[in-house]
């Protein structure tokens, strides 16, 4: 990355690679490539695959733009990557459903939080285990609630790719759930539909 953004200036991609023993890696298409920190920027010596981070980062930019307009209560949904600001009218937070292959698998109430879900329902085979390069297949879904879209998107993809580790979500101020409704972190966050 040769631009100044949270995707490149933060080390979330590098951190997730380390924390998942390589299951998540923005350089998975180019084994042996490296990310090099240059001041506040990161530079890659090969093309990156930002698919596991970019939509969440874009949501964060949109949230910033809406907040700069003075909006405090809104729901932003970018093809399943959601950010809920404040409260829905007459509600506490925003009620959001988590969807998998067969429909709703859980409900969550969000307020000033992001939700990202990774799975195969929309694009089968698009997530890869970076250790092998193989597509992750099956009907399992992983959903993450986090303070930002970047963290939610990155964690959901990393965990779905095979990088589930005890305390991973919590270390980033997040909660994660797999399709079997096994929650990690605050169990009250996700409820059956």
N, C-alpha and C. Protein backbone atom coordinates (compact mmCIF):
# COMPACT_ATOMS: atom_id res chain seq x y z
N UNK A 1 0.84 -1.18 0.00
CA UNK A 1 0.00 0.00 0.00
C UNK A 1 0.88 1.23 0.00
N UNK A 2 0.62 2.12 -0.88
CA UNK A 2 1.37 3.36 -0.91
C UNK A 2 0.45 4.56 -0.71
N UNK A 3 -0.65 4.35 0.00
CA UNK A 3 -1.54 5.47 0.29
C UNK A 3 -1.77 5.51 1.79
N UNK A 4 -2.20 6.66 2.27
CA UNK A 4 -2.39 6.83 3.71
C UNK A 4 -3.84 6.51 4.05
N UNK A 5 -4.07 5.34 4.63
CA UNK A 5 -5.40 4.94 5.04
C UNK A 5 -5.28 3.99 6.21
N UNK A 6 -6.40 3.76 6.87
CA UNK A 6 -6.40 2.82 8.00
C UNK A 6 -6.05 1.42 7.54
N UNK A 7 -6.41 1.06 6.31
CA UNK A 7 -6.10 -0.28 5.83
C UNK A 7 -4.60 -0.48 5.80
N UNK A 8 -3.86 0.55 5.44
CA UNK A 8 -2.42 0.43 5.28
C UNK A 8 -1.63 0.98 6.45
N UNK A 9 -2.13 2.03 7.10
CA UNK A 9 -1.35 2.61 8.20
C UNK A 9 -1.53 1.80 9.47
N UNK A 10 -2.63 1.10 9.62
CA UNK A 10 -2.76 0.21 10.77
C UNK A 10 -2.12 -1.12 10.37
N UNK A 11 -1.82 -1.88 11.35
CA UNK A 11 -1.21 -3.17 11.03
C UNK A 11 -2.21 -4.31 11.25
N UNK A 12 -3.50 -4.05 11.05
CA UNK A 12 -4.51 -5.08 11.26
C UNK A 12 -4.26 -6.29 10.37
N UNK A 13 -3.94 -6.08 9.10
CA UNK A 13 -3.67 -7.21 8.21
C UNK A 13 -2.52 -8.06 8.70
N UNK A 14 -1.44 -7.42 9.11
CA UNK A 14 -0.28 -8.13 9.63
C UNK A 14 -0.62 -8.81 10.96
N UNK A 15 -1.33 -8.10 11.82
CA UNK A 15 -1.72 -8.66 13.12
C UNK A 15 -2.60 -9.89 12.93
N UNK A 16 -3.59 -9.81 12.04
CA UNK A 16 -4.48 -10.96 11.83
C UNK A 16 -3.72 -12.14 11.24
N UNK A 17 -2.75 -11.88 10.38
CA UNK A 17 -1.94 -12.97 9.84
C UNK A 17 -1.23 -13.70 10.99
N UNK A 18 -0.64 -12.93 11.87
CA UNK A 18 0.08 -13.53 13.01
C UNK A 18 -0.87 -14.23 13.96
N UNK A 19 -2.00 -13.60 14.27
CA UNK A 19 -2.93 -14.15 15.25
C UNK A 19 -3.68 -15.38 14.75
N UNK A 20 -3.72 -15.58 13.44
CA UNK A 20 -4.43 -16.74 12.87
C UNK A 20 -3.46 -17.77 12.31
N UNK A 21 -2.20 -17.67 12.67
CA UNK A 21 -1.17 -18.60 12.17
C UNK A 21 -1.17 -18.69 10.65
N UNK A 22 -1.46 -17.55 10.01
CA UNK A 22 -1.39 -17.48 8.55
C UNK A 22 -2.68 -17.80 7.81
N UNK A 23 -3.77 -18.13 8.51
CA UNK A 23 -5.04 -18.42 7.81
C UNK A 23 -5.55 -17.19 7.07
N UNK A 24 -5.29 -16.00 7.63
CA UNK A 24 -5.66 -14.74 6.99
C UNK A 24 -4.38 -14.03 6.59
N UNK A 25 -4.27 -13.65 5.33
CA UNK A 25 -3.07 -12.96 4.87
C UNK A 25 -3.41 -12.19 3.61
N UNK A 26 -3.26 -10.87 3.63
CA UNK A 26 -3.57 -10.05 2.45
C UNK A 26 -2.61 -10.34 1.30
N UNK A 27 -1.51 -11.04 1.59
CA UNK A 27 -0.54 -11.40 0.55
C UNK A 27 -0.64 -12.87 0.15
N UNK A 28 -1.77 -13.53 0.43
CA UNK A 28 -1.87 -14.98 0.21
C UNK A 28 -1.64 -15.38 -1.24
N UNK A 29 -1.95 -14.52 -2.17
CA UNK A 29 -1.76 -14.86 -3.59
C UNK A 29 -0.29 -14.85 -4.00
N UNK A 30 0.56 -14.29 -3.16
CA UNK A 30 1.98 -14.14 -3.50
C UNK A 30 2.84 -14.62 -2.34
N UNK A 31 2.96 -15.93 -2.17
CA UNK A 31 3.78 -16.46 -1.07
C UNK A 31 5.18 -15.87 -1.09
N UNK A 32 5.64 -15.50 0.07
CA UNK A 32 6.97 -14.91 0.17
C UNK A 32 6.98 -13.40 0.07
N UNK A 33 5.86 -12.79 -0.38
CA UNK A 33 5.81 -11.33 -0.45
C UNK A 33 5.78 -10.77 0.97
N UNK A 34 6.13 -9.51 1.08
CA UNK A 34 6.21 -8.90 2.40
C UNK A 34 5.53 -7.55 2.43
N UNK A 35 5.00 -7.20 3.62
CA UNK A 35 4.55 -5.85 3.92
C UNK A 35 5.66 -5.17 4.71
N UNK A 36 6.05 -3.99 4.28
CA UNK A 36 7.15 -3.27 4.92
C UNK A 36 6.61 -1.94 5.43
N UNK A 37 6.83 -1.67 6.70
CA UNK A 37 6.38 -0.41 7.28
C UNK A 37 7.40 0.69 6.96
N UNK A 38 6.90 1.81 6.44
CA UNK A 38 7.73 2.97 6.15
C UNK A 38 7.09 4.17 6.82
N UNK A 39 7.51 4.46 8.04
CA UNK A 39 6.89 5.53 8.81
C UNK A 39 5.49 5.13 9.22
N UNK A 40 4.49 5.90 8.78
CA UNK A 40 3.11 5.58 9.10
C UNK A 40 2.44 4.77 8.00
N UNK A 41 3.14 4.48 6.93
CA UNK A 41 2.57 3.76 5.79
C UNK A 41 3.12 2.34 5.72
N UNK A 42 2.38 1.51 5.01
CA UNK A 42 2.84 0.15 4.69
C UNK A 42 3.06 0.08 3.20
N UNK A 43 4.10 -0.62 2.78
CA UNK A 43 4.35 -0.86 1.37
C UNK A 43 4.43 -2.36 1.17
N UNK A 44 3.78 -2.83 0.12
CA UNK A 44 3.83 -4.25 -0.22
C UNK A 44 4.73 -4.44 -1.42
N UNK A 45 5.48 -5.54 -1.42
CA UNK A 45 6.33 -5.80 -2.58
C UNK A 45 5.64 -6.72 -3.58
N UNK A 46 4.31 -6.87 -3.44
CA UNK A 46 3.48 -7.62 -4.39
C UNK A 46 2.05 -7.11 -4.26
N UNK A 47 1.19 -7.41 -5.24
CA UNK A 47 -0.21 -6.98 -5.13
C UNK A 47 -0.88 -7.59 -3.91
N UNK A 48 -1.79 -6.82 -3.31
CA UNK A 48 -2.52 -7.26 -2.13
C UNK A 48 -3.91 -7.73 -2.49
N UNK A 49 -4.49 -8.59 -1.65
CA UNK A 49 -5.90 -8.96 -1.73
C UNK A 49 -6.55 -8.37 -0.49
N UNK A 50 -7.19 -7.23 -0.63
CA UNK A 50 -7.80 -6.53 0.49
C UNK A 50 -9.27 -6.91 0.67
N UNK A 51 -9.71 -7.99 0.02
CA UNK A 51 -11.11 -8.40 0.09
C UNK A 51 -11.62 -8.63 1.50
N UNK A 52 -10.76 -9.02 2.42
CA UNK A 52 -11.18 -9.27 3.78
C UNK A 52 -11.18 -8.04 4.67
N UNK A 53 -10.82 -6.90 4.14
CA UNK A 53 -10.75 -5.67 4.92
C UNK A 53 -11.45 -4.48 4.26
N UNK A 54 -11.47 -4.46 2.95
CA UNK A 54 -11.82 -3.24 2.22
C UNK A 54 -13.26 -2.78 2.41
N UNK A 55 -14.22 -3.71 2.38
CA UNK A 55 -15.61 -3.28 2.52
C UNK A 55 -15.85 -2.68 3.91
N UNK A 56 -15.26 -3.26 4.93
CA UNK A 56 -15.39 -2.70 6.27
C UNK A 56 -14.75 -1.32 6.36
N UNK A 57 -13.58 -1.18 5.73
CA UNK A 57 -12.91 0.12 5.72
C UNK A 57 -13.75 1.16 4.99
N UNK A 58 -14.34 0.78 3.86
CA UNK A 58 -15.20 1.69 3.11
C UNK A 58 -16.42 2.11 3.93
N UNK A 59 -17.00 1.14 4.67
CA UNK A 59 -18.12 1.48 5.56
C UNK A 59 -17.68 2.52 6.59
N UNK A 60 -16.49 2.35 7.15
CA UNK A 60 -16.00 3.31 8.14
C UNK A 60 -15.87 4.70 7.54
N UNK A 61 -15.42 4.79 6.29
CA UNK A 61 -15.31 6.10 5.63
C UNK A 61 -16.71 6.70 5.44
N UNK A 62 -17.68 5.87 5.05
CA UNK A 62 -19.05 6.37 4.87
C UNK A 62 -19.65 6.82 6.20
N UNK A 63 -19.39 6.07 7.26
CA UNK A 63 -19.86 6.45 8.60
C UNK A 63 -19.26 7.80 8.98
N UNK A 64 -17.99 8.00 8.73
CA UNK A 64 -17.34 9.28 9.01
C UNK A 64 -17.99 10.43 8.26
N UNK A 65 -18.32 10.17 7.00
CA UNK A 65 -18.96 11.22 6.18
C UNK A 65 -20.36 11.55 6.73
N UNK A 66 -21.12 10.53 7.11
CA UNK A 66 -22.47 10.78 7.65
C UNK A 66 -22.40 11.51 8.99
N UNK A 67 -21.44 11.12 9.82
CA UNK A 67 -21.28 11.81 11.11
C UNK A 67 -20.85 13.27 10.90
N UNK A 68 -20.03 13.54 9.87
CA UNK A 68 -19.59 14.91 9.61
C UNK A 68 -20.76 15.79 9.18
N UNK A 69 -21.83 15.17 8.71
CA UNK A 69 -23.05 15.91 8.35
C UNK A 69 -23.96 16.12 9.54
N UNK A 70 -23.54 15.62 10.70
CA UNK A 70 -24.32 15.79 11.92
C UNK A 70 -25.30 14.66 12.21
N UNK A 71 -25.27 13.61 11.42
CA UNK A 71 -26.18 12.48 11.65
C UNK A 71 -25.67 11.65 12.82
N UNK A 72 -26.60 11.25 13.69
CA UNK A 72 -26.22 10.43 14.85
C UNK A 72 -26.96 9.11 14.89
N UNK A 73 -28.10 9.02 14.22
CA UNK A 73 -28.90 7.80 14.20
C UNK A 73 -29.11 7.36 12.76
N UNK A 74 -28.41 6.31 12.36
CA UNK A 74 -28.54 5.79 11.01
C UNK A 74 -28.05 4.35 10.96
N UNK A 75 -28.51 3.65 9.93
CA UNK A 75 -28.08 2.28 9.68
C UNK A 75 -27.51 2.23 8.28
N UNK A 76 -26.27 1.80 8.16
CA UNK A 76 -25.59 1.70 6.88
C UNK A 76 -25.39 0.22 6.58
N UNK A 77 -25.87 -0.24 5.43
CA UNK A 77 -25.74 -1.65 5.04
C UNK A 77 -25.11 -1.71 3.67
N UNK A 78 -23.89 -2.25 3.61
CA UNK A 78 -23.18 -2.42 2.34
C UNK A 78 -23.07 -3.91 2.07
N UNK A 79 -24.13 -4.45 1.48
CA UNK A 79 -24.17 -5.88 1.11
C UNK A 79 -23.81 -6.78 2.28
N UNK A 80 -24.41 -6.51 3.43
CA UNK A 80 -24.22 -7.38 4.58
C UNK A 80 -23.21 -6.90 5.60
N UNK A 81 -22.37 -5.95 5.24
CA UNK A 81 -21.49 -5.32 6.22
C UNK A 81 -22.24 -4.09 6.73
N UNK A 82 -22.58 -4.13 8.01
CA UNK A 82 -23.51 -3.15 8.58
C UNK A 82 -22.82 -2.30 9.62
N UNK A 83 -23.20 -1.02 9.67
CA UNK A 83 -22.83 -0.17 10.79
C UNK A 83 -24.10 0.50 11.29
N UNK A 84 -24.35 0.38 12.59
CA UNK A 84 -25.53 0.99 13.20
C UNK A 84 -25.07 2.09 14.14
N UNK A 85 -25.51 3.31 13.87
CA UNK A 85 -25.17 4.46 14.70
C UNK A 85 -26.38 4.85 15.53
N UNK A 86 -26.18 5.04 16.82
CA UNK A 86 -27.26 5.49 17.69
C UNK A 86 -28.38 4.47 17.78
N UNK A 87 -29.61 4.97 17.61
CA UNK A 87 -30.80 4.14 17.81
C UNK A 87 -31.80 4.30 16.68
N UNK A 88 -32.51 3.23 16.40
CA UNK A 88 -33.65 3.30 15.49
C UNK A 88 -34.77 4.05 16.23
N UNK A 89 -35.67 4.65 15.48
CA UNK A 89 -36.74 5.42 16.10
C UNK A 89 -37.55 4.54 17.05
N UNK A 90 -37.67 4.99 18.30
CA UNK A 90 -38.45 4.27 19.30
C UNK A 90 -37.79 3.00 19.81
N UNK A 91 -36.53 2.80 19.51
CA UNK A 91 -35.84 1.56 19.92
C UNK A 91 -34.56 1.90 20.66
N UNK A 92 -34.03 0.89 21.31
CA UNK A 92 -32.69 0.99 21.88
C UNK A 92 -31.77 0.24 20.93
N UNK A 93 -30.90 0.96 20.23
CA UNK A 93 -30.05 0.36 19.21
C UNK A 93 -30.84 0.05 17.96
N UNK A 94 -30.25 -0.81 17.13
CA UNK A 94 -30.87 -1.23 15.87
C UNK A 94 -30.94 -2.76 15.85
N UNK A 95 -32.14 -3.33 15.63
CA UNK A 95 -32.21 -4.79 15.51
C UNK A 95 -31.73 -5.22 14.11
N UNK A 96 -30.80 -6.15 14.08
CA UNK A 96 -30.21 -6.62 12.82
C UNK A 96 -30.20 -8.14 12.83
N UNK A 97 -30.55 -8.75 11.71
CA UNK A 97 -30.49 -10.21 11.58
C UNK A 97 -29.21 -10.62 10.87
N UNK A 98 -28.65 -11.74 11.32
CA UNK A 98 -27.49 -12.36 10.69
C UNK A 98 -28.03 -13.45 9.77
N UNK A 99 -27.63 -13.40 8.50
CA UNK A 99 -28.15 -14.36 7.53
C UNK A 99 -27.09 -15.36 7.12
N UNK A 100 -27.54 -16.58 6.91
CA UNK A 100 -26.70 -17.65 6.38
C UNK A 100 -27.41 -18.27 5.19
N UNK A 101 -26.98 -19.45 4.78
CA UNK A 101 -27.55 -20.13 3.60
C UNK A 101 -29.07 -20.30 3.69
N UNK A 102 -29.57 -20.70 4.87
CA UNK A 102 -30.99 -21.01 5.00
C UNK A 102 -31.83 -19.89 5.55
N UNK A 103 -31.32 -18.69 5.62
CA UNK A 103 -32.08 -17.56 6.16
C UNK A 103 -31.43 -17.02 7.41
N UNK A 104 -32.25 -16.41 8.26
CA UNK A 104 -31.72 -15.79 9.47
C UNK A 104 -31.22 -16.86 10.44
N UNK A 105 -29.99 -16.66 10.95
CA UNK A 105 -29.42 -17.61 11.91
C UNK A 105 -29.29 -16.97 13.30
N UNK A 106 -29.37 -15.65 13.38
CA UNK A 106 -29.27 -14.98 14.68
C UNK A 106 -29.78 -13.55 14.54
N UNK A 107 -30.06 -12.97 15.69
CA UNK A 107 -30.40 -11.55 15.76
C UNK A 107 -29.45 -10.88 16.73
N UNK A 108 -29.17 -9.62 16.45
CA UNK A 108 -28.28 -8.84 17.30
C UNK A 108 -28.80 -7.41 17.33
N UNK A 109 -28.59 -6.73 18.44
CA UNK A 109 -28.97 -5.33 18.56
C UNK A 109 -27.69 -4.52 18.60
N UNK A 110 -27.55 -3.59 17.66
CA UNK A 110 -26.32 -2.81 17.52
C UNK A 110 -26.56 -1.34 17.82
N UNK A 111 -25.57 -0.70 18.44
CA UNK A 111 -25.58 0.74 18.63
C UNK A 111 -24.13 1.21 18.59
N UNK A 112 -23.81 2.03 17.60
CA UNK A 112 -22.45 2.50 17.38
C UNK A 112 -21.48 1.32 17.26
N UNK A 113 -21.89 0.34 16.45
CA UNK A 113 -21.12 -0.87 16.23
C UNK A 113 -21.28 -1.33 14.78
N UNK A 114 -20.30 -2.13 14.35
CA UNK A 114 -20.32 -2.73 13.02
C UNK A 114 -20.58 -4.22 13.14
N UNK A 115 -21.18 -4.80 12.11
CA UNK A 115 -21.40 -6.24 12.01
C UNK A 115 -20.96 -6.68 10.63
N UNK A 116 -20.11 -7.70 10.58
CA UNK A 116 -19.73 -8.30 9.30
C UNK A 116 -19.92 -9.80 9.40
N UNK A 117 -20.34 -10.40 8.29
CA UNK A 117 -20.53 -11.84 8.22
C UNK A 117 -19.75 -12.38 7.03
N UNK A 118 -19.03 -13.46 7.25
CA UNK A 118 -18.31 -14.14 6.17
C UNK A 118 -18.88 -15.53 6.00
N UNK A 119 -19.07 -15.92 4.76
CA UNK A 119 -19.59 -17.24 4.44
C UNK A 119 -19.65 -17.40 2.93
N UNK A 120 -20.34 -18.42 2.50
CA UNK A 120 -20.40 -18.72 1.07
C UNK A 120 -21.75 -18.43 0.43
N UNK A 121 -22.70 -17.89 1.18
CA UNK A 121 -24.05 -17.70 0.64
C UNK A 121 -24.05 -16.82 -0.61
N UNK A 122 -23.33 -15.72 -0.60
CA UNK A 122 -23.36 -14.80 -1.73
C UNK A 122 -22.33 -15.09 -2.80
N UNK A 123 -21.14 -15.50 -2.40
CA UNK A 123 -20.05 -15.74 -3.35
C UNK A 123 -19.31 -17.01 -2.93
N UNK A 124 -19.80 -18.17 -3.29
CA UNK A 124 -19.14 -19.41 -2.87
C UNK A 124 -17.67 -19.45 -3.29
N UNK A 125 -16.82 -19.81 -2.33
CA UNK A 125 -15.40 -19.99 -2.61
C UNK A 125 -14.57 -18.73 -2.64
N UNK A 126 -15.13 -17.58 -2.27
CA UNK A 126 -14.36 -16.33 -2.38
C UNK A 126 -13.39 -16.10 -1.22
N UNK A 127 -13.56 -16.82 -0.11
CA UNK A 127 -12.63 -16.70 1.00
C UNK A 127 -11.64 -17.86 0.92
N UNK A 128 -10.37 -17.56 1.13
CA UNK A 128 -9.31 -18.57 1.02
C UNK A 128 -8.56 -18.72 2.33
N UNK A 129 -8.15 -19.93 2.62
CA UNK A 129 -7.22 -20.19 3.71
C UNK A 129 -5.85 -19.87 3.15
N UNK A 130 -5.24 -18.81 3.63
CA UNK A 130 -3.97 -18.34 3.06
C UNK A 130 -2.84 -19.34 3.22
N UNK A 131 -2.97 -20.25 4.17
CA UNK A 131 -1.91 -21.24 4.38
C UNK A 131 -1.83 -22.22 3.22
N UNK A 132 -2.98 -22.49 2.59
CA UNK A 132 -3.02 -23.48 1.50
C UNK A 132 -3.42 -22.86 0.17
N UNK A 133 -4.08 -21.71 0.20
CA UNK A 133 -4.61 -21.08 -1.01
C UNK A 133 -5.95 -21.66 -1.42
N UNK A 134 -6.44 -22.66 -0.67
CA UNK A 134 -7.71 -23.32 -1.01
C UNK A 134 -8.90 -22.48 -0.57
N UNK A 135 -9.97 -22.53 -1.38
CA UNK A 135 -11.22 -21.88 -1.00
C UNK A 135 -11.80 -22.55 0.24
N UNK A 136 -12.39 -21.75 1.10
CA UNK A 136 -13.09 -22.28 2.27
C UNK A 136 -14.52 -22.52 1.83
N UNK A 137 -14.96 -23.78 1.89
CA UNK A 137 -16.29 -24.14 1.42
C UNK A 137 -17.16 -24.63 2.57
N UNK A 138 -18.44 -24.73 2.33
CA UNK A 138 -19.39 -25.18 3.35
C UNK A 138 -20.43 -24.12 3.61
N UNK A 139 -21.41 -24.48 4.44
CA UNK A 139 -22.51 -23.54 4.69
C UNK A 139 -22.36 -22.81 6.02
N UNK A 140 -21.23 -22.90 6.66
CA UNK A 140 -20.95 -22.21 7.92
C UNK A 140 -20.85 -20.71 7.67
N UNK A 141 -21.27 -19.92 8.64
CA UNK A 141 -21.08 -18.46 8.59
C UNK A 141 -20.39 -18.03 9.87
N UNK A 142 -19.61 -16.97 9.78
CA UNK A 142 -18.99 -16.35 10.95
C UNK A 142 -19.41 -14.89 10.93
N UNK A 143 -19.94 -14.43 12.06
CA UNK A 143 -20.33 -13.02 12.19
C UNK A 143 -19.57 -12.40 13.34
N UNK A 144 -19.21 -11.14 13.16
CA UNK A 144 -18.45 -10.42 14.17
C UNK A 144 -19.08 -9.05 14.39
N UNK A 145 -19.25 -8.69 15.65
CA UNK A 145 -19.66 -7.34 16.05
C UNK A 145 -18.43 -6.67 16.62
N UNK A 146 -18.11 -5.48 16.10
CA UNK A 146 -16.89 -4.77 16.51
C UNK A 146 -17.14 -3.27 16.51
N UNK A 147 -16.22 -2.51 17.09
CA UNK A 147 -16.39 -1.05 17.11
C UNK A 147 -16.32 -0.41 15.73
N UNK A 148 -15.59 -1.02 14.78
CA UNK A 148 -15.46 -0.45 13.44
C UNK A 148 -15.71 -1.52 12.38
N UNK A 149 -16.05 -1.07 11.19
CA UNK A 149 -16.24 -1.98 10.06
C UNK A 149 -14.96 -2.69 9.67
N UNK A 150 -13.83 -1.99 9.72
CA UNK A 150 -12.55 -2.59 9.37
C UNK A 150 -12.25 -3.80 10.26
N UNK A 151 -12.42 -3.64 11.56
CA UNK A 151 -12.15 -4.73 12.50
C UNK A 151 -13.17 -5.85 12.32
N UNK A 152 -14.46 -5.52 12.18
CA UNK A 152 -15.49 -6.55 12.00
C UNK A 152 -15.24 -7.36 10.73
N UNK A 153 -14.96 -6.68 9.63
CA UNK A 153 -14.72 -7.35 8.35
C UNK A 153 -13.47 -8.22 8.41
N UNK A 154 -12.38 -7.66 8.92
CA UNK A 154 -11.14 -8.42 9.01
C UNK A 154 -11.27 -9.65 9.88
N UNK A 155 -11.88 -9.50 11.05
CA UNK A 155 -12.04 -10.65 11.95
C UNK A 155 -12.97 -11.71 11.38
N UNK A 156 -14.11 -11.29 10.79
CA UNK A 156 -15.04 -12.27 10.22
C UNK A 156 -14.36 -13.10 9.14
N UNK A 157 -13.61 -12.44 8.27
CA UNK A 157 -12.89 -13.16 7.21
C UNK A 157 -11.80 -14.04 7.78
N UNK A 158 -11.02 -13.51 8.73
CA UNK A 158 -9.92 -14.27 9.31
C UNK A 158 -10.42 -15.52 10.04
N UNK A 159 -11.47 -15.37 10.81
CA UNK A 159 -12.01 -16.51 11.55
C UNK A 159 -12.62 -17.51 10.59
N UNK A 160 -13.36 -17.04 9.60
CA UNK A 160 -13.96 -17.95 8.61
C UNK A 160 -12.88 -18.71 7.84
N UNK A 161 -11.77 -18.06 7.57
CA UNK A 161 -10.69 -18.71 6.81
C UNK A 161 -10.01 -19.81 7.60
N UNK A 162 -10.32 -19.91 8.87
CA UNK A 162 -9.74 -20.98 9.68
C UNK A 162 -8.87 -20.49 10.80
N UNK A 163 -8.98 -19.22 11.10
CA UNK A 163 -8.10 -18.65 12.10
C UNK A 163 -8.71 -18.43 13.46
N UNK A 164 -9.70 -19.26 13.87
CA UNK A 164 -10.33 -19.07 15.16
C UNK A 164 -9.34 -19.39 16.26
N UNK A 165 -9.09 -18.45 17.12
CA UNK A 165 -8.23 -18.65 18.27
C UNK A 165 -8.94 -18.08 19.50
N UNK A 166 -8.80 -18.74 20.63
CA UNK A 166 -9.40 -18.25 21.86
C UNK A 166 -8.95 -16.82 22.12
N UNK A 167 -9.90 -15.94 22.38
CA UNK A 167 -9.60 -14.56 22.72
C UNK A 167 -9.31 -13.65 21.54
N UNK A 168 -9.34 -14.18 20.31
CA UNK A 168 -9.01 -13.35 19.14
C UNK A 168 -9.96 -12.17 19.00
N UNK A 169 -11.25 -12.42 18.99
CA UNK A 169 -12.22 -11.33 18.83
C UNK A 169 -12.13 -10.35 19.99
N UNK A 170 -12.09 -10.89 21.20
CA UNK A 170 -12.06 -10.03 22.38
C UNK A 170 -10.83 -9.13 22.41
N UNK A 171 -9.72 -9.60 21.90
CA UNK A 171 -8.49 -8.80 21.87
C UNK A 171 -8.67 -7.54 21.01
N UNK A 172 -9.65 -7.55 20.12
CA UNK A 172 -9.92 -6.40 19.24
C UNK A 172 -11.21 -5.68 19.65
N UNK A 173 -11.71 -5.95 20.86
CA UNK A 173 -12.93 -5.30 21.33
C UNK A 173 -14.17 -5.77 20.61
N UNK A 174 -14.16 -7.03 20.17
CA UNK A 174 -15.26 -7.56 19.35
C UNK A 174 -15.83 -8.85 19.95
N UNK A 175 -16.93 -9.32 19.35
CA UNK A 175 -17.56 -10.59 19.68
C UNK A 175 -17.77 -11.34 18.37
N UNK A 176 -17.59 -12.63 18.41
CA UNK A 176 -17.75 -13.44 17.19
C UNK A 176 -18.72 -14.58 17.44
N UNK A 177 -19.38 -15.02 16.35
CA UNK A 177 -20.30 -16.14 16.40
C UNK A 177 -20.12 -16.97 15.15
N UNK A 178 -20.10 -18.29 15.30
CA UNK A 178 -20.08 -19.13 14.10
C UNK A 178 -21.51 -19.58 13.82
N UNK A 179 -21.72 -20.24 12.69
CA UNK A 179 -23.05 -20.62 12.25
C UNK A 179 -23.78 -21.55 13.18
N UNK A 180 -23.07 -22.21 14.07
CA UNK A 180 -23.70 -23.11 15.02
C UNK A 180 -24.13 -22.36 16.28
N UNK A 181 -24.07 -21.05 16.24
CA UNK A 181 -24.43 -20.18 17.36
C UNK A 181 -23.54 -20.42 18.57
N UNK A 182 -22.31 -20.77 18.32
CA UNK A 182 -21.33 -20.80 19.40
C UNK A 182 -20.72 -19.41 19.45
N UNK A 183 -21.04 -18.69 20.49
CA UNK A 183 -20.54 -17.32 20.61
C UNK A 183 -19.23 -17.30 21.35
N UNK A 184 -18.39 -16.39 20.97
CA UNK A 184 -17.13 -16.13 21.68
C UNK A 184 -17.24 -14.71 22.20
N UNK A 185 -16.93 -14.53 23.45
CA UNK A 185 -17.07 -13.21 24.02
C UNK A 185 -18.43 -13.12 24.70
N UNK A 186 -19.06 -11.98 24.61
CA UNK A 186 -20.33 -11.76 25.29
C UNK A 186 -21.43 -12.59 24.64
N UNK A 187 -21.87 -13.63 25.30
CA UNK A 187 -22.85 -14.56 24.73
C UNK A 187 -24.21 -13.91 24.50
N UNK A 188 -24.50 -12.85 25.20
CA UNK A 188 -25.81 -12.20 25.04
C UNK A 188 -25.90 -11.39 23.75
N UNK A 189 -24.81 -11.18 23.06
CA UNK A 189 -24.82 -10.33 21.86
C UNK A 189 -25.66 -10.95 20.76
N UNK A 190 -25.49 -12.26 20.50
CA UNK A 190 -26.22 -12.93 19.43
C UNK A 190 -27.35 -13.76 20.01
N UNK A 191 -28.55 -13.65 19.41
CA UNK A 191 -29.71 -14.43 19.85
C UNK A 191 -30.27 -15.18 18.66
N UNK A 192 -30.88 -16.32 18.94
CA UNK A 192 -31.55 -17.08 17.88
C UNK A 192 -32.69 -16.26 17.30
N UNK A 193 -32.96 -16.41 15.99
CA UNK A 193 -34.04 -15.63 15.37
C UNK A 193 -35.41 -16.08 15.88
